């Protein structure tokens, strides 16, 4: 399913793969950006993910929206290393009922 409706909200699940190509363990902060009208929120925000040196970590993420959100909404995942050495932006889509 593209989305899940609960009594409280609509949820979409995502999996981010974080790659640390350095020789040191790193922590990354994950957040989302979306249009203010959609009301999208990253559950558990702020989300900090620790990635060991040379490792790949799959991080399950849930994004929620109010129950009245309908259709598709653009969102961007923003990932930043805690030491400021790296930043990435990944465009995605949130799906709600039509």
PDB file of N, CA and C in Angstrom:
ATOM      1  N   UNK A   1       0.833  -1.182   0.000  1.00  0.00           N
ATOM      2  CA  UNK A   1       0.000   0.000   0.000  1.00  0.00           C
ATOM      3  C   UNK A   1       0.880   1.249   0.000  1.00  0.00           C
ATOM      4  N   UNK A   2       0.435   2.273  -0.708  1.00  0.00           N
ATOM      5  CA  UNK A   2       1.187   3.520  -0.754  1.00  0.00           C
ATOM      6  C   UNK A   2       1.047   4.311   0.535  1.00  0.00           C
ATOM      7  N   UNK A   3      -0.070   4.136   1.237  1.00  0.00           N
ATOM      8  CA  UNK A   3      -0.293   4.878   2.484  1.00  0.00           C
ATOM      9  C   UNK A   3      -1.112   4.017   3.430  1.00  0.00           C
ATOM     10  N   UNK A   4      -1.110   4.433   4.692  1.00  0.00           N
ATOM     11  CA  UNK A   4      -1.910   3.760   5.712  1.00  0.00           C
ATOM     12  C   UNK A   4      -2.705   4.830   6.450  1.00  0.00           C
ATOM     13  N   UNK A   5      -4.004   4.615   6.566  1.00  0.00           N
ATOM     14  CA  UNK A   5      -4.848   5.540   7.317  1.00  0.00           C
ATOM     15  C   UNK A   5      -5.043   4.999   8.730  1.00  0.00           C
ATOM     16  N   UNK A   6      -4.829   5.862   9.716  1.00  0.00           N
ATOM     17  CA  UNK A   6      -5.107   5.521  11.105  1.00  0.00           C
ATOM     18  C   UNK A   6      -6.184   6.486  11.597  1.00  0.00           C
ATOM     19  N   UNK A   7      -6.619   6.313  12.809  1.00  0.00           N
ATOM     20  CA  UNK A   7      -7.614   7.224  13.375  1.00  0.00           C
ATOM     21  C   UNK A   7      -7.042   8.632  13.515  1.00  0.00           C
ATOM     22  N   UNK A   8      -5.729   8.733  13.691  1.00  0.00           N
ATOM     23  CA  UNK A   8      -5.087  10.028  13.954  1.00  0.00           C
ATOM     24  C   UNK A   8      -4.519  10.708  12.718  1.00  0.00           C
ATOM     25  N   UNK A   9      -4.048   9.921  11.729  1.00  0.00           N
ATOM     26  CA  UNK A   9      -3.394  10.537  10.580  1.00  0.00           C
ATOM     27  C   UNK A   9      -3.274   9.571   9.415  1.00  0.00           C
ATOM     28  N   UNK A  10      -2.572  10.028   8.382  1.00  0.00           N
ATOM     29  CA  UNK A  10      -2.209   9.209   7.222  1.00  0.00           C
ATOM     30  C   UNK A  10      -0.703   9.041   7.281  1.00  0.00           C
ATOM     31  N   UNK A  11      -0.218   7.816   7.045  1.00  0.00           N
ATOM     32  CA  UNK A  11       1.217   7.546   7.147  1.00  0.00           C
ATOM     33  C   UNK A  11       1.756   6.963   5.856  1.00  0.00           C
ATOM     34  N   UNK A  12       2.982   7.358   5.525  1.00  0.00           N
ATOM     35  CA  UNK A  12       3.761   6.749   4.437  1.00  0.00           C
ATOM     36  C   UNK A  12       5.053   6.246   5.048  1.00  0.00           C
ATOM     37  N   UNK A  13       5.483   5.045   4.646  1.00  0.00           N
ATOM     38  CA  UNK A  13       6.752   4.499   5.109  1.00  0.00           C
ATOM     39  C   UNK A  13       7.819   4.616   4.030  1.00  0.00           C
ATOM     40  N   UNK A  14       9.039   4.908   4.441  1.00  0.00           N
ATOM     41  CA  UNK A  14      10.181   5.059   3.537  1.00  0.00           C
ATOM     42  C   UNK A  14      11.370   4.316   4.126  1.00  0.00           C
ATOM     43  N   UNK A  15      12.307   3.933   3.275  1.00  0.00           N
ATOM     44  CA  UNK A  15      13.574   3.371   3.732  1.00  0.00           C
ATOM     45  C   UNK A  15      14.694   4.210   3.131  1.00  0.00           C
ATOM     46  N   UNK A  16      15.487   4.844   3.998  1.00  0.00           N
ATOM     47  CA  UNK A  16      16.663   5.591   3.548  1.00  0.00           C
ATOM     48  C   UNK A  16      17.885   4.713   3.757  1.00  0.00           C
ATOM     49  N   UNK A  17      18.766   4.683   2.777  1.00  0.00           N
ATOM     50  CA  UNK A  17      20.038   3.980   2.919  1.00  0.00           C
ATOM     51  C   UNK A  17      21.122   5.030   3.077  1.00  0.00           C
ATOM     52  N   UNK A  18      21.755   5.035   4.239  1.00  0.00           N
ATOM     53  CA  UNK A  18      22.802   5.999   4.544  1.00  0.00           C
ATOM     54  C   UNK A  18      24.147   5.297   4.428  1.00  0.00           C
ATOM     55  N   UNK A  19      25.055   5.891   3.642  1.00  0.00           N
ATOM     56  CA  UNK A  19      26.369   5.312   3.383  1.00  0.00           C
ATOM     57  C   UNK A  19      27.427   6.217   3.987  1.00  0.00           C
ATOM     58  N   UNK A  20      28.274   5.637   4.815  1.00  0.00           N
ATOM     59  CA  UNK A  20      29.397   6.373   5.396  1.00  0.00           C
ATOM     60  C   UNK A  20      30.673   5.849   4.753  1.00  0.00           C
ATOM     61  N   UNK A  21      31.229   6.605   3.819  1.00  0.00           N
ATOM     62  CA  UNK A  21      32.434   6.177   3.100  1.00  0.00           C
ATOM     63  C   UNK A  21      33.714   6.646   3.764  1.00  0.00           C
ATOM     64  N   UNK A  22      33.617   7.153   4.981  1.00  0.00           N
ATOM     65  CA  UNK A  22      34.800   7.639   5.685  1.00  0.00           C
ATOM     66  C   UNK A  22      35.369   6.551   6.604  1.00  0.00           C
ATOM     67  N   UNK A  23      36.505   6.878   7.235  1.00  0.00           N
ATOM     68  CA  UNK A  23      37.160   5.957   8.165  1.00  0.00           C
ATOM     69  C   UNK A  23      36.740   6.192   9.605  1.00  0.00           C
ATOM     70  N   UNK A  24      35.738   7.038   9.822  1.00  0.00           N
ATOM     71  CA  UNK A  24      35.285   7.345  11.183  1.00  0.00           C
ATOM     72  C   UNK A  24      33.771   7.181  11.268  1.00  0.00           C
ATOM     73  N   UNK A  25      33.290   6.764  12.443  1.00  0.00           N
ATOM     74  CA  UNK A  25      31.851   6.692  12.664  1.00  0.00           C
ATOM     75  C   UNK A  25      31.260   8.089  12.518  1.00  0.00           C
ATOM     76  N   UNK A  26      30.043   8.168  11.991  1.00  0.00           N
ATOM     77  CA  UNK A  26      29.384   9.463  11.805  1.00  0.00           C
ATOM     78  C   UNK A  26      27.936   9.372  12.250  1.00  0.00           C
ATOM     79  N   UNK A  27      27.415  10.497  12.672  1.00  0.00           N
ATOM     80  CA  UNK A  27      25.991  10.624  12.965  1.00  0.00           C
ATOM     81  C   UNK A  27      25.394  11.584  11.954  1.00  0.00           C
ATOM     82  N   UNK A  28      24.198  11.255  11.503  1.00  0.00           N
ATOM     83  CA  UNK A  28      23.503  12.062  10.524  1.00  0.00           C
ATOM     84  C   UNK A  28      22.132  12.450  11.068  1.00  0.00           C
ATOM     85  N   UNK A  29      21.737  13.676  10.836  1.00  0.00           N
ATOM     86  CA  UNK A  29      20.413  14.149  11.229  1.00  0.00           C
ATOM     87  C   UNK A  29      19.539  14.148   9.982  1.00  0.00           C
ATOM     88  N   UNK A  30      18.346  13.569  10.128  1.00  0.00           N
ATOM     89  CA  UNK A  30      17.400  13.471   9.027  1.00  0.00           C
ATOM     90  C   UNK A  30      16.189  14.335   9.358  1.00  0.00           C
ATOM     91  N   UNK A  31      15.768  15.143   8.388  1.00  0.00           N
ATOM     92  CA  UNK A  31      14.549  15.941   8.542  1.00  0.00           C
ATOM     93  C   UNK A  31      13.866  16.011   7.187  1.00  0.00           C
ATOM     94  N   UNK A  32      12.656  16.554   7.154  1.00  0.00           N
ATOM     95  CA  UNK A  32      11.956  16.713   5.880  1.00  0.00           C
ATOM     96  C   UNK A  32      11.583  18.166   5.673  1.00  0.00           C
ATOM     97  N   UNK A  33      11.411  18.515   4.407  1.00  0.00           N
ATOM     98  CA  UNK A  33      10.885  19.817   4.014  1.00  0.00           C
ATOM     99  C   UNK A  33       9.713  19.545   3.077  1.00  0.00           C
ATOM    100  N   UNK A  34       8.635  20.296   3.263  1.00  0.00           N
ATOM    101  CA  UNK A  34       7.478  20.182   2.381  1.00  0.00           C
ATOM    102  C   UNK A  34       6.737  21.506   2.406  1.00  0.00           C
ATOM    103  N   UNK A  35       5.765  21.635   1.517  1.00  0.00           N
ATOM    104  CA  UNK A  35       4.984  22.869   1.530  1.00  0.00           C
ATOM    105  C   UNK A  35       4.207  22.940   2.840  1.00  0.00           C
ATOM    106  N   UNK A  36       4.092  24.125   3.388  1.00  0.00           N
ATOM    107  CA  UNK A  36       3.430  24.311   4.670  1.00  0.00           C
ATOM    108  C   UNK A  36       1.974  23.887   4.679  1.00  0.00           C
ATOM    109  N   UNK A  37       1.333  23.873   3.522  1.00  0.00           N
ATOM    110  CA  UNK A  37      -0.086  23.535   3.446  1.00  0.00           C
ATOM    111  C   UNK A  37      -0.347  22.052   3.645  1.00  0.00           C
ATOM    112  N   UNK A  38       0.626  21.192   3.373  1.00  0.00           N
ATOM    113  CA  UNK A  38       0.397  19.756   3.449  1.00  0.00           C
ATOM    114  C   UNK A  38       0.391  19.234   4.879  1.00  0.00           C
ATOM    115  N   UNK A  39       1.097  19.888   5.780  1.00  0.00           N
ATOM    116  CA  UNK A  39       1.137  19.444   7.175  1.00  0.00           C
ATOM    117  C   UNK A  39       1.932  18.173   7.398  1.00  0.00           C
ATOM    118  N   UNK A  40       2.855  17.842   6.486  1.00  0.00           N
ATOM    119  CA  UNK A  40       3.660  16.625   6.634  1.00  0.00           C
ATOM    120  C   UNK A  40       4.640  16.761   7.795  1.00  0.00           C
ATOM    121  N   UNK A  41       4.799  15.667   8.546  1.00  0.00           N
ATOM    122  CA  UNK A  41       5.754  15.652   9.655  1.00  0.00           C
ATOM    123  C   UNK A  41       6.526  14.341   9.654  1.00  0.00           C
ATOM    124  N   UNK A  42       7.789  14.424  10.002  1.00  0.00           N
ATOM    125  CA  UNK A  42       8.629  13.244  10.160  1.00  0.00           C
ATOM    126  C   UNK A  42       8.415  12.718  11.564  1.00  0.00           C
ATOM    127  N   UNK A  43       7.946  11.495  11.676  1.00  0.00           N
ATOM    128  CA  UNK A  43       7.684  10.918  12.996  1.00  0.00           C
ATOM    129  C   UNK A  43       9.017  10.640  13.683  1.00  0.00           C
ATOM    130  N   UNK A  44       9.101  11.050  14.934  1.00  0.00           N
ATOM    131  CA  UNK A  44      10.326  10.863  15.691  1.00  0.00           C
ATOM    132  C   UNK A  44      11.359  11.944  15.462  1.00  0.00           C
ATOM    133  N   UNK A  45      10.971  13.031  14.789  1.00  0.00           N
ATOM    134  CA  UNK A  45      11.906  14.121  14.502  1.00  0.00           C
ATOM    135  C   UNK A  45      12.260  14.847  15.788  1.00  0.00           C
ATOM    136  N   UNK A  46      13.485  15.257  16.017  1.00  0.00           N
ATOM    137  CA  UNK A  46      14.607  15.089  15.084  1.00  0.00           C
ATOM    138  C   UNK A  46      15.116  13.651  15.109  1.00  0.00           C
ATOM    139  N   UNK A  47      15.511  13.159  13.963  1.00  0.00           N
ATOM    140  CA  UNK A  47      15.965  11.783  13.819  1.00  0.00           C
ATOM    141  C   UNK A  47      17.470  11.789  13.602  1.00  0.00           C
ATOM    142  N   UNK A  48      18.194  11.186  14.533  1.00  0.00           N
ATOM    143  CA  UNK A  48      19.649  11.065  14.424  1.00  0.00           C
ATOM    144  C   UNK A  48      19.991   9.604  14.172  1.00  0.00           C
ATOM    145  N   UNK A  49      20.813   9.355  13.148  1.00  0.00           N
ATOM    146  CA  UNK A  49      21.184   7.993  12.772  1.00  0.00           C
ATOM    147  C   UNK A  49      22.699   7.875  12.813  1.00  0.00           C
ATOM    148  N   UNK A  50      23.195   6.897  13.570  1.00  0.00           N
ATOM    149  CA  UNK A  50      24.637   6.651  13.653  1.00  0.00           C
ATOM    150  C   UNK A  50      25.005   5.598  12.618  1.00  0.00           C
ATOM    151  N   UNK A  51      26.044   5.903  11.815  1.00  0.00           N
ATOM    152  CA  UNK A  51      26.503   4.987  10.771  1.00  0.00           C
ATOM    153  C   UNK A  51      27.983   4.708  11.010  1.00  0.00           C
ATOM    154  N   UNK A  52      28.339   3.454  11.277  1.00  0.00           N
ATOM    155  CA  UNK A  52      29.749   3.116  11.483  1.00  0.00           C
ATOM    156  C   UNK A  52      30.595   3.403  10.243  1.00  0.00           C
ATOM    157  N   UNK A  53      31.889   3.559  10.444  1.00  0.00           N
ATOM    158  CA  UNK A  53      32.828   3.813   9.350  1.00  0.00           C
ATOM    159  C   UNK A  53      32.708   2.719   8.291  1.00  0.00           C
ATOM    160  N   UNK A  54      32.621   3.144   7.027  1.00  0.00           N
ATOM    161  CA  UNK A  54      32.583   2.207   5.912  1.00  0.00           C
ATOM    162  C   UNK A  54      31.320   1.367   5.822  1.00  0.00           C
ATOM    163  N   UNK A  55      30.264   1.750   6.506  1.00  0.00           N
ATOM    164  CA  UNK A  55      29.050   0.925   6.558  1.00  0.00           C
ATOM    165  C   UNK A  55      27.889   1.576   5.817  1.00  0.00           C
ATOM    166  N   UNK A  56      26.882   0.742   5.555  1.00  0.00           N
ATOM    167  CA  UNK A  56      25.614   1.189   4.994  1.00  0.00           C
ATOM    168  C   UNK A  56      24.530   0.821   6.005  1.00  0.00           C
ATOM    169  N   UNK A  57      23.683   1.778   6.345  1.00  0.00           N
ATOM    170  CA  UNK A  57      22.599   1.541   7.294  1.00  0.00           C
ATOM    171  C   UNK A  57      21.277   1.841   6.604  1.00  0.00           C
ATOM    172  N   UNK A  58      20.342   0.895   6.673  1.00  0.00           N
ATOM    173  CA  UNK A  58      18.988   1.117   6.172  1.00  0.00           C
ATOM    174  C   UNK A  58      18.146   1.635   7.329  1.00  0.00           C
ATOM    175  N   UNK A  59      17.549   2.809   7.155  1.00  0.00           N
ATOM    176  CA  UNK A  59      16.764   3.443   8.207  1.00  0.00           C
ATOM    177  C   UNK A  59      15.306   3.537   7.777  1.00  0.00           C
ATOM    178  N   UNK A  60      14.436   2.864   8.526  1.00  0.00           N
ATOM    179  CA  UNK A  60      13.002   2.958   8.277  1.00  0.00           C
ATOM    180  C   UNK A  60      12.498   4.288   8.831  1.00  0.00           C
ATOM    181  N   UNK A  61      11.676   4.988   8.041  1.00  0.00           N
ATOM    182  CA  UNK A  61      11.175   6.306   8.410  1.00  0.00           C
ATOM    183  C   UNK A  61       9.683   6.352   8.124  1.00  0.00           C
ATOM    184  N   UNK A  62       8.945   7.033   8.999  1.00  0.00           N
ATOM    185  CA  UNK A  62       7.529   7.255   8.740  1.00  0.00           C
ATOM    186  C   UNK A  62       7.240   8.750   8.682  1.00  0.00           C
ATOM    187  N   UNK A  63       6.462   9.135   7.686  1.00  0.00           N
ATOM    188  CA  UNK A  63       6.015  10.516   7.532  1.00  0.00           C
ATOM    189  C   UNK A  63       4.503  10.504   7.681  1.00  0.00           C
ATOM    190  N   UNK A  64       3.986  11.440   8.492  1.00  0.00           N
ATOM    191  CA  UNK A  64       2.554  11.513   8.722  1.00  0.00           C
ATOM    192  C   UNK A  64       1.971  12.816   8.205  1.00  0.00           C
ATOM    193  N   UNK A  65       0.649  12.788   8.002  1.00  0.00           N
ATOM    194  CA  UNK A  65      -0.086  13.973   7.562  1.00  0.00           C
ATOM    195  C   UNK A  65      -1.462  13.927   8.210  1.00  0.00           C
ATOM    196  N   UNK A  66      -2.104  15.085   8.367  1.00  0.00           N
ATOM    197  CA  UNK A  66      -3.470  15.107   8.909  1.00  0.00           C
ATOM    198  C   UNK A  66      -4.416  14.261   8.049  1.00  0.00           C
ATOM    199  N   UNK A  67      -5.481  13.758   8.661  1.00  0.00           N
ATOM    200  CA  UNK A  67      -6.399  12.853   7.959  1.00  0.00           C
ATOM    201  C   UNK A  67      -7.093  13.502   6.762  1.00  0.00           C
ATOM    202  N   UNK A  68      -7.116  14.815   6.687  1.00  0.00           N
ATOM    203  CA  UNK A  68      -7.781  15.471   5.562  1.00  0.00           C
ATOM    204  C   UNK A  68      -6.867  15.720   4.364  1.00  0.00           C
ATOM    205  N   UNK A  69      -5.609  15.301   4.433  1.00  0.00           N
ATOM    206  CA  UNK A  69      -4.679  15.467   3.308  1.00  0.00           C
ATOM    207  C   UNK A  69      -5.036  14.449   2.223  1.00  0.00           C
ATOM    208  N   UNK A  70      -5.160  14.920   1.011  1.00  0.00           N
ATOM    209  CA  UNK A  70      -5.542  14.076  -0.115  1.00  0.00           C
ATOM    210  C   UNK A  70      -4.525  14.204  -1.244  1.00  0.00           C
ATOM    211  N   UNK A  71      -4.355  13.130  -2.018  1.00  0.00           N
ATOM    212  CA  UNK A  71      -3.512  13.173  -3.206  1.00  0.00           C
ATOM    213  C   UNK A  71      -2.027  13.092  -2.919  1.00  0.00           C
ATOM    214  N   UNK A  72      -1.246  13.599  -3.879  1.00  0.00           N
ATOM    215  CA  UNK A  72       0.224  13.544  -3.824  1.00  0.00           C
ATOM    216  C   UNK A  72       0.783  14.874  -3.352  1.00  0.00           C
ATOM    217  N   UNK A  73       1.886  14.791  -2.583  1.00  0.00           N
ATOM    218  CA  UNK A  73       2.549  15.999  -2.083  1.00  0.00           C
ATOM    219  C   UNK A  73       4.062  15.802  -2.163  1.00  0.00           C
ATOM    220  N   UNK A  74       4.737  16.788  -2.734  1.00  0.00           N
ATOM    221  CA  UNK A  74       6.205  16.730  -2.825  1.00  0.00           C
ATOM    222  C   UNK A  74       6.810  16.915  -1.440  1.00  0.00           C
ATOM    223  N   UNK A  75       7.873  16.169  -1.184  1.00  0.00           N
ATOM    224  CA  UNK A  75       8.642  16.362   0.038  1.00  0.00           C
ATOM    225  C   UNK A  75      10.102  16.092  -0.266  1.00  0.00           C
ATOM    226  N   UNK A  76      10.960  16.638   0.577  1.00  0.00           N
ATOM    227  CA  UNK A  76      12.399  16.456   0.424  1.00  0.00           C
ATOM    228  C   UNK A  76      12.971  15.976   1.741  1.00  0.00           C
ATOM    229  N   UNK A  77      13.737  14.876   1.692  1.00  0.00           N
ATOM    230  CA  UNK A  77      14.484  14.430   2.854  1.00  0.00           C
ATOM    231  C   UNK A  77      15.807  15.189   2.850  1.00  0.00           C
ATOM    232  N   UNK A  78      16.162  15.762   3.984  1.00  0.00           N
ATOM    233  CA  UNK A  78      17.427  16.483   4.126  1.00  0.00           C
ATOM    234  C   UNK A  78      18.263  15.716   5.146  1.00  0.00           C
ATOM    235  N   UNK A  79      19.457  15.274   4.724  1.00  0.00           N
ATOM    236  CA  UNK A  79      20.356  14.512   5.582  1.00  0.00           C
ATOM    237  C   UNK A  79      21.631  15.314   5.748  1.00  0.00           C
ATOM    238  N   UNK A  80      22.017  15.560   7.004  1.00  0.00           N
ATOM    239  CA  UNK A  80      23.212  16.344   7.293  1.00  0.00           C
ATOM    240  C   UNK A  80      24.091  15.619   8.300  1.00  0.00           C
ATOM    241  N   UNK A  81      25.386  15.541   8.008  1.00  0.00           N
ATOM    242  CA  UNK A  81      26.330  14.989   8.975  1.00  0.00           C
ATOM    243  C   UNK A  81      26.418  15.925  10.167  1.00  0.00           C
ATOM    244  N   UNK A  82      26.548  15.366  11.363  1.00  0.00           N
ATOM    245  CA  UNK A  82      26.564  16.202  12.570  1.00  0.00           C
ATOM    246  C   UNK A  82      27.758  17.141  12.629  1.00  0.00           C
ATOM    247  N   UNK A  83      28.824  16.810  11.906  1.00  0.00           N
ATOM    248  CA  UNK A  83      30.001  17.684  11.912  1.00  0.00           C
ATOM    249  C   UNK A  83      29.987  18.676  10.739  1.00  0.00           C
ATOM    250  N   UNK A  84      28.894  18.670   9.955  1.00  0.00           N
ATOM    251  CA  UNK A  84      28.767  19.606   8.842  1.00  0.00           C
ATOM    252  C   UNK A  84      29.535  19.217   7.593  1.00  0.00           C
ATOM    253  N   UNK A  85      30.142  18.029   7.585  1.00  0.00           N
ATOM    254  CA  UNK A  85      30.987  17.637   6.453  1.00  0.00           C
ATOM    255  C   UNK A  85      30.204  17.155   5.235  1.00  0.00           C
ATOM    256  N   UNK A  86      28.939  16.805   5.412  1.00  0.00           N
ATOM    257  CA  UNK A  86      28.162  16.290   4.287  1.00  0.00           C
ATOM    258  C   UNK A  86      26.706  16.696   4.433  1.00  0.00           C
ATOM    259  N   UNK A  87      26.071  16.931   3.280  1.00  0.00           N
ATOM    260  CA  UNK A  87      24.645  17.252   3.261  1.00  0.00           C
ATOM    261  C   UNK A  87      24.065  16.717   1.964  1.00  0.00           C
ATOM    262  N   UNK A  88      22.897  16.085   2.052  1.00  0.00           N
ATOM    263  CA  UNK A  88      22.227  15.563   0.866  1.00  0.00           C
ATOM    264  C   UNK A  88      20.753  15.896   0.941  1.00  0.00           C
ATOM    265  N   UNK A  89      20.160  16.061  -0.238  1.00  0.00           N
ATOM    266  CA  UNK A  89      18.726  16.327  -0.355  1.00  0.00           C
ATOM    267  C   UNK A  89      18.153  15.297  -1.332  1.00  0.00           C
ATOM    268  N   UNK A  90      17.109  14.604  -0.898  1.00  0.00           N
ATOM    269  CA  UNK A  90      16.478  13.597  -1.739  1.00  0.00           C
ATOM    270  C   UNK A  90      15.009  13.941  -1.909  1.00  0.00           C
ATOM    271  N   UNK A  91      14.600  14.190  -3.151  1.00  0.00           N
ATOM    272  CA  UNK A  91      13.212  14.511  -3.427  1.00  0.00           C
ATOM    273  C   UNK A  91      12.381  13.229  -3.451  1.00  0.00           C
ATOM    274  N   UNK A  92      11.170  13.324  -2.914  1.00  0.00           N
ATOM    275  CA  UNK A  92      10.275  12.176  -2.876  1.00  0.00           C
ATOM    276  C   UNK A  92       8.840  12.680  -2.938  1.00  0.00           C
ATOM    277  N   UNK A  93       7.899  11.760  -2.760  1.00  0.00           N
ATOM    278  CA  UNK A  93       6.477  12.089  -2.815  1.00  0.00           C
ATOM    279  C   UNK A  93       5.755  11.417  -1.659  1.00  0.00           C
ATOM    280  N   UNK A  94       4.823  12.139  -1.054  1.00  0.00           N
ATOM    281  CA  UNK A  94       3.927  11.594  -0.044  1.00  0.00           C
ATOM    282  C   UNK A  94       2.597  11.327  -0.723  1.00  0.00           C
ATOM    283  N   UNK A  95       2.027  10.139  -0.476  1.00  0.00           N
ATOM    284  CA  UNK A  95       0.759   9.748  -1.093  1.00  0.00           C
ATOM    285  C   UNK A  95      -0.331   9.675  -0.032  1.00  0.00           C
ATOM    286  N   UNK A  96      -1.463  10.295  -0.341  1.00  0.00           N
ATOM    287  CA  UNK A  96      -2.643  10.195   0.502  1.00  0.00           C
ATOM    288  C   UNK A  96      -3.799   9.657  -0.328  1.00  0.00           C
ATOM    289  N   UNK A  97      -4.933   9.407   0.305  1.00  0.00           N
ATOM    290  CA  UNK A  97      -6.085   8.926  -0.453  1.00  0.00           C
ATOM    291  C   UNK A  97      -6.556   9.969  -1.458  1.00  0.00           C
ATOM    292  N   UNK A  98      -7.176   9.522  -2.530  1.00  0.00           N
ATOM    293  CA  UNK A  98      -7.685  10.430  -3.552  1.00  0.00           C
ATOM    294  C   UNK A  98      -9.035  10.862  -3.157  1.00  0.00           C
TER     295      UNK A  98
END
